[in-house]
Amino acid sequence: MDTGRLNKRVQFGSIKTESDDYGQAIESFTEKFKAWANIKYISGRESLLANVVTVNQTIITIVCRYRSDLTLKDKVKYDGQTWEITNIAPDERNNFMNVTAEITQ
């Protein structure tokens, strides 16, 4: 991966649920780290070729520098939305990783 293509800023973290003064549950994003990334939206055709069933889903692939502390329990914040991580695939040298994330509409 050409590092010049890592031109989008993403945040990785988790969702915390807390209660407000009235006892209502409030979810908030807690940042773990930020990273420069390359983002690619996956089309429906590419999803079918990858044997992924999509029903009103938006799927992205994020390429960024490798981090060993990222897990499938973490979330991604990008473009004003919070995305669920569905797959993490590091390259053979652990320099970069492909992170697949989705939003179900």
PDB file of N, CA and C in Angstrom:
ATOM      1  N   MET A   1       0.850  -1.183   0.000  1.00  0.00           N
ATOM      2  CA  MET A   1       0.000   0.000   0.000  1.00  0.00           C
ATOM      3  C   MET A   1       0.884   1.230   0.000  1.00  0.00           C
ATOM      4  N   ASP A   2       0.596   2.126  -0.899  1.00  0.00           N
ATOM      5  CA  ASP A   2       1.259   3.423  -0.959  1.00  0.00           C
ATOM      6  C   ASP A   2       0.701   4.289   0.172  1.00  0.00           C
ATOM      7  N   THR A   3       1.550   4.723   1.098  1.00  0.00           N
ATOM      8  CA  THR A   3       1.070   5.472   2.267  1.00  0.00           C
ATOM      9  C   THR A   3       0.415   6.797   1.877  1.00  0.00           C
ATOM     10  N   GLY A   4       0.656   7.283   0.676  1.00  0.00           N
ATOM     11  CA  GLY A   4      -0.006   8.495   0.210  1.00  0.00           C
ATOM     12  C   GLY A   4      -1.500   8.312   0.016  1.00  0.00           C
ATOM     13  N   ARG A   5      -1.940   7.071  -0.111  1.00  0.00           N
ATOM     14  CA  ARG A   5      -3.368   6.785  -0.273  1.00  0.00           C
ATOM     15  C   ARG A   5      -4.106   6.737   1.065  1.00  0.00           C
ATOM     16  N   LEU A   6      -3.377   6.776   2.159  1.00  0.00           N
ATOM     17  CA  LEU A   6      -4.008   6.805   3.483  1.00  0.00           C
ATOM     18  C   LEU A   6      -4.384   8.267   3.759  1.00  0.00           C
ATOM     19  N   ASN A   7      -5.492   8.711   3.157  1.00  0.00           N
ATOM     20  CA  ASN A   7      -5.838  10.129   3.172  1.00  0.00           C
ATOM     21  C   ASN A   7      -7.148  10.453   3.891  1.00  0.00           C
ATOM     22  N   LYS A   8      -7.728   9.491   4.574  1.00  0.00           N
ATOM     23  CA  LYS A   8      -8.946   9.711   5.348  1.00  0.00           C
ATOM     24  C   LYS A   8      -8.648   9.435   6.812  1.00  0.00           C
ATOM     25  N   ARG A   9      -9.245  10.238   7.696  1.00  0.00           N
ATOM     26  CA  ARG A   9      -9.021  10.068   9.130  1.00  0.00           C
ATOM     27  C   ARG A   9     -10.176   9.263   9.725  1.00  0.00           C
ATOM     28  N   VAL A  10      -9.855   8.186  10.428  1.00  0.00           N
ATOM     29  CA  VAL A  10     -10.861   7.360  11.088  1.00  0.00           C
ATOM     30  C   VAL A  10     -10.514   7.236  12.569  1.00  0.00           C
ATOM     31  N   GLN A  11     -11.532   6.955  13.369  1.00  0.00           N
ATOM     32  CA  GLN A  11     -11.337   6.725  14.794  1.00  0.00           C
ATOM     33  C   GLN A  11     -11.776   5.297  15.101  1.00  0.00           C
ATOM     34  N   PHE A  12     -10.990   4.614  15.894  1.00  0.00           N
ATOM     35  CA  PHE A  12     -11.353   3.286  16.372  1.00  0.00           C
ATOM     36  C   PHE A  12     -11.625   3.399  17.867  1.00  0.00           C
ATOM     37  N   GLY A  13     -12.628   2.694  18.334  1.00  0.00           N
ATOM     38  CA  GLY A  13     -12.963   2.760  19.752  1.00  0.00           C
ATOM     39  C   GLY A  13     -14.106   1.828  20.099  1.00  0.00           C
ATOM     40  N   SER A  14     -14.813   2.171  21.159  1.00  0.00           N
ATOM     41  CA  SER A  14     -15.914   1.315  21.618  1.00  0.00           C
ATOM     42  C   SER A  14     -17.102   2.191  22.006  1.00  0.00           C
ATOM     43  N   ILE A  15     -18.241   1.557  22.164  1.00  0.00           N
ATOM     44  CA  ILE A  15     -19.458   2.237  22.581  1.00  0.00           C
ATOM     45  C   ILE A  15     -19.672   1.973  24.063  1.00  0.00           C
ATOM     46  N   LYS A  16     -19.837   3.041  24.824  1.00  0.00           N
ATOM     47  CA  LYS A  16     -20.140   2.935  26.253  1.00  0.00           C
ATOM     48  C   LYS A  16     -21.587   3.337  26.466  1.00  0.00           C
ATOM     49  N   THR A  17     -22.278   2.606  27.329  1.00  0.00           N
ATOM     50  CA  THR A  17     -23.641   2.966  27.681  1.00  0.00           C
ATOM     51  C   THR A  17     -23.655   3.467  29.112  1.00  0.00           C
ATOM     52  N   GLU A  18     -24.156   4.679  29.286  1.00  0.00           N
ATOM     53  CA  GLU A  18     -24.236   5.299  30.601  1.00  0.00           C
ATOM     54  C   GLU A  18     -25.663   5.789  30.817  1.00  0.00           C
ATOM     55  N   SER A  19     -25.979   6.142  32.035  1.00  0.00           N
ATOM     56  CA  SER A  19     -27.295   6.691  32.347  1.00  0.00           C
ATOM     57  C   SER A  19     -27.189   8.183  32.600  1.00  0.00           C
ATOM     58  N   ASP A  20     -28.188   8.924  32.108  1.00  0.00           N
ATOM     59  CA  ASP A  20     -28.218  10.355  32.391  1.00  0.00           C
ATOM     60  C   ASP A  20     -28.904  10.587  33.742  1.00  0.00           C
ATOM     61  N   ASP A  21     -29.143  11.841  34.078  1.00  0.00           N
ATOM     62  CA  ASP A  21     -29.742  12.193  35.369  1.00  0.00           C
ATOM     63  C   ASP A  21     -31.153  11.631  35.541  1.00  0.00           C
ATOM     64  N   TYR A  22     -31.803  11.301  34.428  1.00  0.00           N
ATOM     65  CA  TYR A  22     -33.169  10.786  34.478  1.00  0.00           C
ATOM     66  C   TYR A  22     -33.233   9.260  34.339  1.00  0.00           C
ATOM     67  N   GLY A  23     -32.083   8.610  34.309  1.00  0.00           N
ATOM     68  CA  GLY A  23     -32.032   7.160  34.209  1.00  0.00           C
ATOM     69  C   GLY A  23     -32.115   6.626  32.789  1.00  0.00           C
ATOM     70  N   GLN A  24     -32.105   7.510  31.805  1.00  0.00           N
ATOM     71  CA  GLN A  24     -32.159   7.104  30.407  1.00  0.00           C
ATOM     72  C   GLN A  24     -30.770   6.638  29.952  1.00  0.00           C
ATOM     73  N   ALA A  25     -30.736   5.560  29.191  1.00  0.00           N
ATOM     74  CA  ALA A  25     -29.469   5.049  28.669  1.00  0.00           C
ATOM     75  C   ALA A  25     -28.967   5.953  27.551  1.00  0.00           C
ATOM     76  N   ILE A  26     -27.709   6.331  27.639  1.00  0.00           N
ATOM     77  CA  ILE A  26     -27.064   7.162  26.625  1.00  0.00           C
ATOM     78  C   ILE A  26     -25.815   6.437  26.154  1.00  0.00           C
ATOM     79  N   GLU A  27     -25.719   6.253  24.836  1.00  0.00           N
ATOM     80  CA  GLU A  27     -24.533   5.617  24.266  1.00  0.00           C
ATOM     81  C   GLU A  27     -23.562   6.697  23.819  1.00  0.00           C
ATOM     82  N   SER A  28     -22.275   6.476  24.103  1.00  0.00           N
ATOM     83  CA  SER A  28     -21.249   7.410  23.659  1.00  0.00           C
ATOM     84  C   SER A  28     -20.057   6.635  23.125  1.00  0.00           C
ATOM     85  N   PHE A  29     -19.375   7.227  22.167  1.00  0.00           N
ATOM     86  CA  PHE A  29     -18.207   6.620  21.542  1.00  0.00           C
ATOM     87  C   PHE A  29     -16.973   6.992  22.345  1.00  0.00           C
ATOM     88  N   THR A  30     -16.196   5.994  22.751  1.00  0.00           N
ATOM     89  CA  THR A  30     -14.943   6.215  23.474  1.00  0.00           C
ATOM     90  C   THR A  30     -13.790   5.857  22.536  1.00  0.00           C
ATOM     91  N   GLU A  31     -12.994   6.856  22.191  1.00  0.00           N
ATOM     92  CA  GLU A  31     -11.910   6.651  21.236  1.00  0.00           C
ATOM     93  C   GLU A  31     -10.761   5.852  21.834  1.00  0.00           C
ATOM     94  N   LYS A  32     -10.278   4.882  21.054  1.00  0.00           N
ATOM     95  CA  LYS A  32      -9.105   4.083  21.415  1.00  0.00           C
ATOM     96  C   LYS A  32      -7.869   4.674  20.722  1.00  0.00           C
ATOM     97  N   PHE A  33      -8.004   4.935  19.405  1.00  0.00           N
ATOM     98  CA  PHE A  33      -6.940   5.580  18.644  1.00  0.00           C
ATOM     99  C   PHE A  33      -7.495   6.100  17.319  1.00  0.00           C
ATOM    100  N   LYS A  34      -6.759   7.039  16.709  1.00  0.00           N
ATOM    101  CA  LYS A  34      -7.075   7.560  15.380  1.00  0.00           C
ATOM    102  C   LYS A  34      -6.050   6.996  14.403  1.00  0.00           C
ATOM    103  N   ALA A  35      -6.444   6.913  13.128  1.00  0.00           N
ATOM    104  CA  ALA A  35      -5.521   6.410  12.114  1.00  0.00           C
ATOM    105  C   ALA A  35      -5.840   7.050  10.767  1.00  0.00           C
ATOM    106  N   TRP A  36      -4.805   7.195   9.950  1.00  0.00           N
ATOM    107  CA  TRP A  36      -5.000   7.594   8.567  1.00  0.00           C
ATOM    108  C   TRP A  36      -5.304   6.321   7.787  1.00  0.00           C
ATOM    109  N   ALA A  37      -6.275   6.403   6.884  1.00  0.00           N
ATOM    110  CA  ALA A  37      -6.731   5.191   6.209  1.00  0.00           C
ATOM    111  C   ALA A  37      -7.154   5.479   4.770  1.00  0.00           C
ATOM    112  N   ASN A  38      -7.262   4.409   4.006  1.00  0.00           N
ATOM    113  CA  ASN A  38      -7.857   4.430   2.680  1.00  0.00           C
ATOM    114  C   ASN A  38      -9.198   3.729   2.816  1.00  0.00           C
ATOM    115  N   ILE A  39     -10.269   4.372   2.366  1.00  0.00           N
ATOM    116  CA  ILE A  39     -11.620   3.834   2.512  1.00  0.00           C
ATOM    117  C   ILE A  39     -12.161   3.464   1.151  1.00  0.00           C
ATOM    118  N   LYS A  40     -12.758   2.277   1.064  1.00  0.00           N
ATOM    119  CA  LYS A  40     -13.382   1.835  -0.179  1.00  0.00           C
ATOM    120  C   LYS A  40     -14.768   1.299   0.154  1.00  0.00           C
ATOM    121  N   TYR A  41     -15.774   1.868  -0.493  1.00  0.00           N
ATOM    122  CA  TYR A  41     -17.134   1.340  -0.349  1.00  0.00           C
ATOM    123  C   TYR A  41     -17.266   0.124  -1.249  1.00  0.00           C
ATOM    124  N   ILE A  42     -17.840  -0.949  -0.722  1.00  0.00           N
ATOM    125  CA  ILE A  42     -17.992  -2.182  -1.478  1.00  0.00           C
ATOM    126  C   ILE A  42     -19.367  -2.176  -2.131  1.00  0.00           C
ATOM    127  N   SER A  43     -19.376  -2.415  -3.434  1.00  0.00           N
ATOM    128  CA  SER A  43     -20.645  -2.440  -4.164  1.00  0.00           C
ATOM    129  C   SER A  43     -21.369  -3.760  -3.913  1.00  0.00           C
ATOM    130  N   GLY A  44     -22.642  -3.811  -4.285  1.00  0.00           N
ATOM    131  CA  GLY A  44     -23.424  -5.036  -4.135  1.00  0.00           C
ATOM    132  C   GLY A  44     -22.837  -6.194  -4.910  1.00  0.00           C
ATOM    133  N   ARG A  45     -22.296  -5.932  -6.108  1.00  0.00           N
ATOM    134  CA  ARG A  45     -21.692  -6.987  -6.927  1.00  0.00           C
ATOM    135  C   ARG A  45     -20.471  -7.571  -6.228  1.00  0.00           C
ATOM    136  N   GLU A  46     -19.623  -6.701  -5.675  1.00  0.00           N
ATOM    137  CA  GLU A  46     -18.440  -7.181  -4.960  1.00  0.00           C
ATOM    138  C   GLU A  46     -18.847  -7.985  -3.729  1.00  0.00           C
ATOM    139  N   SER A  47     -19.942  -7.607  -3.088  1.00  0.00           N
ATOM    140  CA  SER A  47     -20.420  -8.343  -1.928  1.00  0.00           C
ATOM    141  C   SER A  47     -20.862  -9.746  -2.328  1.00  0.00           C
ATOM    142  N   LEU A  48     -21.533  -9.860  -3.476  1.00  0.00           N
ATOM    143  CA  LEU A  48     -21.971 -11.169  -3.944  1.00  0.00           C
ATOM    144  C   LEU A  48     -20.775 -12.049  -4.296  1.00  0.00           C
ATOM    145  N   LEU A  49     -19.767 -11.457  -4.926  1.00  0.00           N
ATOM    146  CA  LEU A  49     -18.571 -12.222  -5.275  1.00  0.00           C
ATOM    147  C   LEU A  49     -17.830 -12.691  -4.024  1.00  0.00           C
ATOM    148  N   ALA A  50     -17.932 -11.933  -2.951  1.00  0.00           N
ATOM    149  CA  ALA A  50     -17.265 -12.293  -1.699  1.00  0.00           C
ATOM    150  C   ALA A  50     -18.153 -13.175  -0.825  1.00  0.00           C
ATOM    151  N   ASN A  51     -19.294 -13.633  -1.362  1.00  0.00           N
ATOM    152  CA  ASN A  51     -20.247 -14.481  -0.639  1.00  0.00           C
ATOM    153  C   ASN A  51     -20.773 -13.815   0.624  1.00  0.00           C
ATOM    154  N   VAL A  52     -20.996 -12.513   0.536  1.00  0.00           N
ATOM    155  CA  VAL A  52     -21.548 -11.760   1.657  1.00  0.00           C
ATOM    156  C   VAL A  52     -22.998 -11.440   1.317  1.00  0.00           C
ATOM    157  N   VAL A  53     -23.915 -11.810   2.193  1.00  0.00           N
ATOM    158  CA  VAL A  53     -25.318 -11.499   1.973  1.00  0.00           C
ATOM    159  C   VAL A  53     -25.584 -10.097   2.487  1.00  0.00           C
ATOM    160  N   THR A  54     -26.101  -9.237   1.624  1.00  0.00           N
ATOM    161  CA  THR A  54     -26.372  -7.871   2.040  1.00  0.00           C
ATOM    162  C   THR A  54     -27.855  -7.567   1.892  1.00  0.00           C
ATOM    163  N   VAL A  55     -28.437  -7.061   2.934  1.00  0.00           N
ATOM    164  CA  VAL A  55     -29.812  -6.588   2.911  1.00  0.00           C
ATOM    165  C   VAL A  55     -29.792  -5.187   3.502  1.00  0.00           C
ATOM    166  N   ASN A  56     -29.880  -4.192   2.639  1.00  0.00           N
ATOM    167  CA  ASN A  56     -29.828  -2.797   3.080  1.00  0.00           C
ATOM    168  C   ASN A  56     -28.614  -2.520   3.961  1.00  0.00           C
ATOM    169  N   GLN A  57     -27.455  -2.976   3.542  1.00  0.00           N
ATOM    170  CA  GLN A  57     -26.235  -2.756   4.297  1.00  0.00           C
ATOM    171  C   GLN A  57     -25.282  -1.882   3.498  1.00  0.00           C
ATOM    172  N   THR A  58     -24.536  -1.078   4.197  1.00  0.00           N
ATOM    173  CA  THR A  58     -23.434  -0.346   3.601  1.00  0.00           C
ATOM    174  C   THR A  58     -22.173  -0.942   4.188  1.00  0.00           C
ATOM    175  N   ILE A  59     -21.266  -1.372   3.308  1.00  0.00           N
ATOM    176  CA  ILE A  59     -20.035  -2.035   3.745  1.00  0.00           C
ATOM    177  C   ILE A  59     -18.841  -1.238   3.226  1.00  0.00           C
ATOM    178  N   ILE A  60     -17.848  -1.055   4.098  1.00  0.00           N
ATOM    179  CA  ILE A  60     -16.611  -0.402   3.688  1.00  0.00           C
ATOM    180  C   ILE A  60     -15.419  -1.280   4.037  1.00  0.00           C
ATOM    181  N   THR A  61     -14.359  -1.103   3.279  1.00  0.00           N
ATOM    182  CA  THR A  61     -13.073  -1.711   3.601  1.00  0.00           C
ATOM    183  C   THR A  61     -12.117  -0.577   3.927  1.00  0.00           C
ATOM    184  N   ILE A  62     -11.471  -0.700   5.068  1.00  0.00           N
ATOM    185  CA  ILE A  62     -10.541   0.314   5.561  1.00  0.00           C
ATOM    186  C   ILE A  62      -9.146  -0.294   5.542  1.00  0.00           C
ATOM    187  N   VAL A  63      -8.222   0.363   4.866  1.00  0.00           N
ATOM    188  CA  VAL A  63      -6.822  -0.066   4.885  1.00  0.00           C
ATOM    189  C   VAL A  63      -6.067   0.976   5.712  1.00  0.00           C
ATOM    190  N   CYS A  64      -5.390   0.502   6.753  1.00  0.00           N
ATOM    191  CA  CYS A  64      -4.614   1.400   7.608  1.00  0.00           C
ATOM    192  C   CYS A  64      -3.403   0.642   8.144  1.00  0.00           C
ATOM    193  N   ARG A  65      -2.554   1.357   8.835  1.00  0.00           N
ATOM    194  CA  ARG A  65      -1.379   0.706   9.433  1.00  0.00           C
ATOM    195  C   ARG A  65      -1.831  -0.298  10.488  1.00  0.00           C
ATOM    196  N   TYR A  66      -1.079  -1.368  10.609  1.00  0.00           N
ATOM    197  CA  TYR A  66      -1.420  -2.462  11.523  1.00  0.00           C
ATOM    198  C   TYR A  66      -1.379  -2.009  12.974  1.00  0.00           C
ATOM    199  N   ARG A  67      -2.382  -2.449  13.738  1.00  0.00           N
ATOM    200  CA  ARG A  67      -2.426  -2.248  15.187  1.00  0.00           C
ATOM    201  C   ARG A  67      -2.858  -3.565  15.817  1.00  0.00           C
ATOM    202  N   SER A  68      -2.091  -4.054  16.766  1.00  0.00           N
ATOM    203  CA  SER A  68      -2.413  -5.335  17.405  1.00  0.00           C
ATOM    204  C   SER A  68      -3.536  -5.209  18.423  1.00  0.00           C
ATOM    205  N   ASP A  69      -3.871  -3.982  18.829  1.00  0.00           N
ATOM    206  CA  ASP A  69      -4.885  -3.812  19.863  1.00  0.00           C
ATOM    207  C   ASP A  69      -6.305  -3.636  19.316  1.00  0.00           C
ATOM    208  N   LEU A  70      -6.502  -3.757  18.013  1.00  0.00           N
ATOM    209  CA  LEU A  70      -7.836  -3.658  17.423  1.00  0.00           C
ATOM    210  C   LEU A  70      -8.512  -5.026  17.450  1.00  0.00           C
ATOM    211  N   THR A  71      -9.775  -5.075  17.892  1.00  0.00           N
ATOM    212  CA  THR A  71     -10.517  -6.339  17.959  1.00  0.00           C
ATOM    213  C   THR A  71     -11.862  -6.192  17.255  1.00  0.00           C
ATOM    214  N   LEU A  72     -12.547  -7.308  17.063  1.00  0.00           N
ATOM    215  CA  LEU A  72     -13.871  -7.294  16.445  1.00  0.00           C
ATOM    216  C   LEU A  72     -14.923  -6.644  17.337  1.00  0.00           C
ATOM    217  N   LYS A  73     -14.625  -6.478  18.614  1.00  0.00           N
ATOM    218  CA  LYS A  73     -15.553  -5.804  19.527  1.00  0.00           C
ATOM    219  C   LYS A  73     -15.510  -4.289  19.364  1.00  0.00           C
ATOM    220  N   ASP A  74     -14.451  -3.763  18.738  1.00  0.00           N
ATOM    221  CA  ASP A  74     -14.298  -2.330  18.556  1.00  0.00           C
ATOM    222  C   ASP A  74     -15.207  -1.824  17.434  1.00  0.00           C
ATOM    223  N   LYS A  75     -15.351  -0.515  17.362  1.00  0.00           N
ATOM    224  CA  LYS A  75     -16.148   0.161  16.344  1.00  0.00           C
ATOM    225  C   LYS A  75     -15.260   1.152  15.602  1.00  0.00           C
ATOM    226  N   VAL A  76     -15.745   1.605  14.449  1.00  0.00           N
ATOM    227  CA  VAL A  76     -15.044   2.602  13.653  1.00  0.00           C
ATOM    228  C   VAL A  76     -15.956   3.808  13.506  1.00  0.00           C
ATOM    229  N   LYS A  77     -15.404   4.983  13.689  1.00  0.00           N
ATOM    230  CA  LYS A  77     -16.158   6.205  13.450  1.00  0.00           C
ATOM    231  C   LYS A  77     -15.559   6.860  12.215  1.00  0.00           C
ATOM    232  N   TYR A  78     -16.394   7.016  11.182  1.00  0.00           N
ATOM    233  CA  TYR A  78     -15.951   7.603   9.919  1.00  0.00           C
ATOM    234  C   TYR A  78     -17.134   8.284   9.245  1.00  0.00           C
ATOM    235  N   ASP A  79     -16.908   9.425   8.699  1.00  0.00           N
ATOM    236  CA  ASP A  79     -17.921  10.137   7.933  1.00  0.00           C
ATOM    237  C   ASP A  79     -19.185  10.393   8.755  1.00  0.00           C
ATOM    238  N   GLY A  80     -19.003  10.673  10.040  1.00  0.00           N
ATOM    239  CA  GLY A  80     -20.117  10.993  10.914  1.00  0.00           C
ATOM    240  C   GLY A  80     -20.954   9.809  11.355  1.00  0.00           C
ATOM    241  N   GLN A  81     -20.515   8.596  11.036  1.00  0.00           N
ATOM    242  CA  GLN A  81     -21.261   7.397  11.398  1.00  0.00           C
ATOM    243  C   GLN A  81     -20.368   6.425  12.156  1.00  0.00           C
ATOM    244  N   THR A  82     -21.006   5.583  12.962  1.00  0.00           N
ATOM    245  CA  THR A  82     -20.286   4.541  13.689  1.00  0.00           C
ATOM    246  C   THR A  82     -20.524   3.212  12.987  1.00  0.00           C
ATOM    247  N   TRP A  83     -19.454   2.519  12.673  1.00  0.00           N
ATOM    248  CA  TRP A  83     -19.483   1.281  11.886  1.00  0.00           C
ATOM    249  C   TRP A  83     -19.081   0.103  12.756  1.00  0.00           C
ATOM    250  N   GLU A  84     -19.706  -1.053  12.527  1.00  0.00           N
ATOM    251  CA  GLU A  84     -19.347  -2.287  13.225  1.00  0.00           C
ATOM    252  C   GLU A  84     -18.266  -3.024  12.457  1.00  0.00           C
ATOM    253  N   ILE A  85     -17.215  -3.417  13.131  1.00  0.00           N
ATOM    254  CA  ILE A  85     -16.130  -4.163  12.483  1.00  0.00           C
ATOM    255  C   ILE A  85     -16.555  -5.619  12.334  1.00  0.00           C
ATOM    256  N   THR A  86     -16.455  -6.133  11.109  1.00  0.00           N
ATOM    257  CA  THR A  86     -16.840  -7.525  10.848  1.00  0.00           C
ATOM    258  C   THR A  86     -15.647  -8.410  10.527  1.00  0.00           C
ATOM    259  N   ASN A  87     -14.513  -7.796  10.152  1.00  0.00           N
ATOM    260  CA  ASN A  87     -13.332  -8.602   9.827  1.00  0.00           C
ATOM    261  C   ASN A  87     -12.081  -7.734   9.936  1.00  0.00           C
ATOM    262  N   ILE A  88     -10.996  -8.343  10.412  1.00  0.00           N
ATOM    263  CA  ILE A  88      -9.684  -7.693  10.474  1.00  0.00           C
ATOM    264  C   ILE A  88      -8.682  -8.647   9.847  1.00  0.00           C
ATOM    265  N   ALA A  89      -8.012  -8.199   8.779  1.00  0.00           N
ATOM    266  CA  ALA A  89      -7.066  -9.061   8.077  1.00  0.00           C
ATOM    267  C   ALA A  89      -5.732  -8.329   7.915  1.00  0.00           C
ATOM    268  N   PRO A  90      -4.741  -8.644   8.767  1.00  0.00           N
ATOM    269  CA  PRO A  90      -3.424  -8.016   8.611  1.00  0.00           C
ATOM    270  C   PRO A  90      -2.690  -8.592   7.401  1.00  0.00           C
ATOM    271  N   ASP A  91      -1.780  -7.798   6.824  1.00  0.00           N
ATOM    272  CA  ASP A  91      -0.970  -8.336   5.732  1.00  0.00           C
ATOM    273  C   ASP A  91       0.099  -9.260   6.305  1.00  0.00           C
ATOM    274  N   GLU A  92       0.854  -9.893   5.436  1.00  0.00           N
ATOM    275  CA  GLU A  92       1.811 -10.923   5.879  1.00  0.00           C
ATOM    276  C   GLU A  92       2.946 -10.377   6.732  1.00  0.00           C
ATOM    277  N   ARG A  93       3.219  -9.087   6.649  1.00  0.00           N
ATOM    278  CA  ARG A  93       4.311  -8.493   7.435  1.00  0.00           C
ATOM    279  C   ARG A  93       3.814  -7.663   8.612  1.00  0.00           C
ATOM    280  N   ASN A  94       2.499  -7.632   8.821  1.00  0.00           N
ATOM    281  CA  ASN A  94       1.892  -6.807   9.872  1.00  0.00           C
ATOM    282  C   ASN A  94       2.229  -5.329   9.728  1.00  0.00           C
ATOM    283  N   ASN A  95       2.336  -4.865   8.465  1.00  0.00           N
ATOM    284  CA  ASN A  95       2.531  -3.445   8.208  1.00  0.00           C
ATOM    285  C   ASN A  95       1.194  -2.724   8.085  1.00  0.00           C
ATOM    286  N   PHE A  96       0.253  -3.363   7.384  1.00  0.00           N
ATOM    287  CA  PHE A  96      -1.072  -2.800   7.159  1.00  0.00           C
ATOM    288  C   PHE A  96      -2.118  -3.838   7.506  1.00  0.00           C
ATOM    289  N   MET A  97      -3.369  -3.382   7.595  1.00  0.00           N
ATOM    290  CA  MET A  97      -4.469  -4.318   7.811  1.00  0.00           C
ATOM    291  C   MET A  97      -5.691  -3.827   7.039  1.00  0.00           C
ATOM    292  N   ASN A  98      -6.492  -4.788   6.595  1.00  0.00           N
ATOM    293  CA  ASN A  98      -7.775  -4.514   5.948  1.00  0.00           C
ATOM    294  C   ASN A  98      -8.854  -4.759   6.982  1.00  0.00           C
ATOM    295  N   VAL A  99      -9.629  -3.736   7.253  1.00  0.00           N
ATOM    296  CA  VAL A  99     -10.711  -3.826   8.235  1.00  0.00           C
ATOM    297  C   VAL A  99     -12.019  -3.666   7.463  1.00  0.00           C
ATOM    298  N   THR A 100     -12.894  -4.653   7.581  1.00  0.00           N
ATOM    299  CA  THR A 100     -14.205  -4.576   6.942  1.00  0.00           C
ATOM    300  C   THR A 100     -15.207  -4.160   8.018  1.00  0.00           C
ATOM    301  N   ALA A 101     -16.053  -3.196   7.663  1.00  0.00           N
ATOM    302  CA  ALA A 101     -17.047  -2.688   8.622  1.00  0.00           C
ATOM    303  C   ALA A 101     -18.364  -2.448   7.892  1.00  0.00           C
ATOM    304  N   GLU A 102     -19.441  -2.464   8.655  1.00  0.00           N
ATOM    305  CA  GLU A 102     -20.753  -2.297   8.021  1.00  0.00           C
ATOM    306  C   GLU A 102     -21.719  -1.522   8.916  1.00  0.00           C
ATOM    307  N   ILE A 103     -22.713  -0.962   8.239  1.00  0.00           N
ATOM    308  CA  ILE A 103     -23.861  -0.348   8.907  1.00  0.00           C
ATOM    309  C   ILE A 103     -25.084  -1.038   8.334  1.00  0.00           C
ATOM    310  N   THR A 104     -25.953  -1.543   9.169  1.00  0.00           N
ATOM    311  CA  THR A 104     -27.205  -2.128   8.719  1.00  0.00           C
ATOM    312  C   THR A 104     -28.272  -1.050   8.807  1.00  0.00           C
ATOM    313  N   GLN A 105     -28.911  -0.782   7.700  1.00  0.00           N
ATOM    314  CA  GLN A 105     -29.920   0.289   7.628  1.00  0.00           C
ATOM    315  C   GLN A 105     -31.227  -0.163   8.241  1.00  0.00           C
TER     316      GLN A 105
END
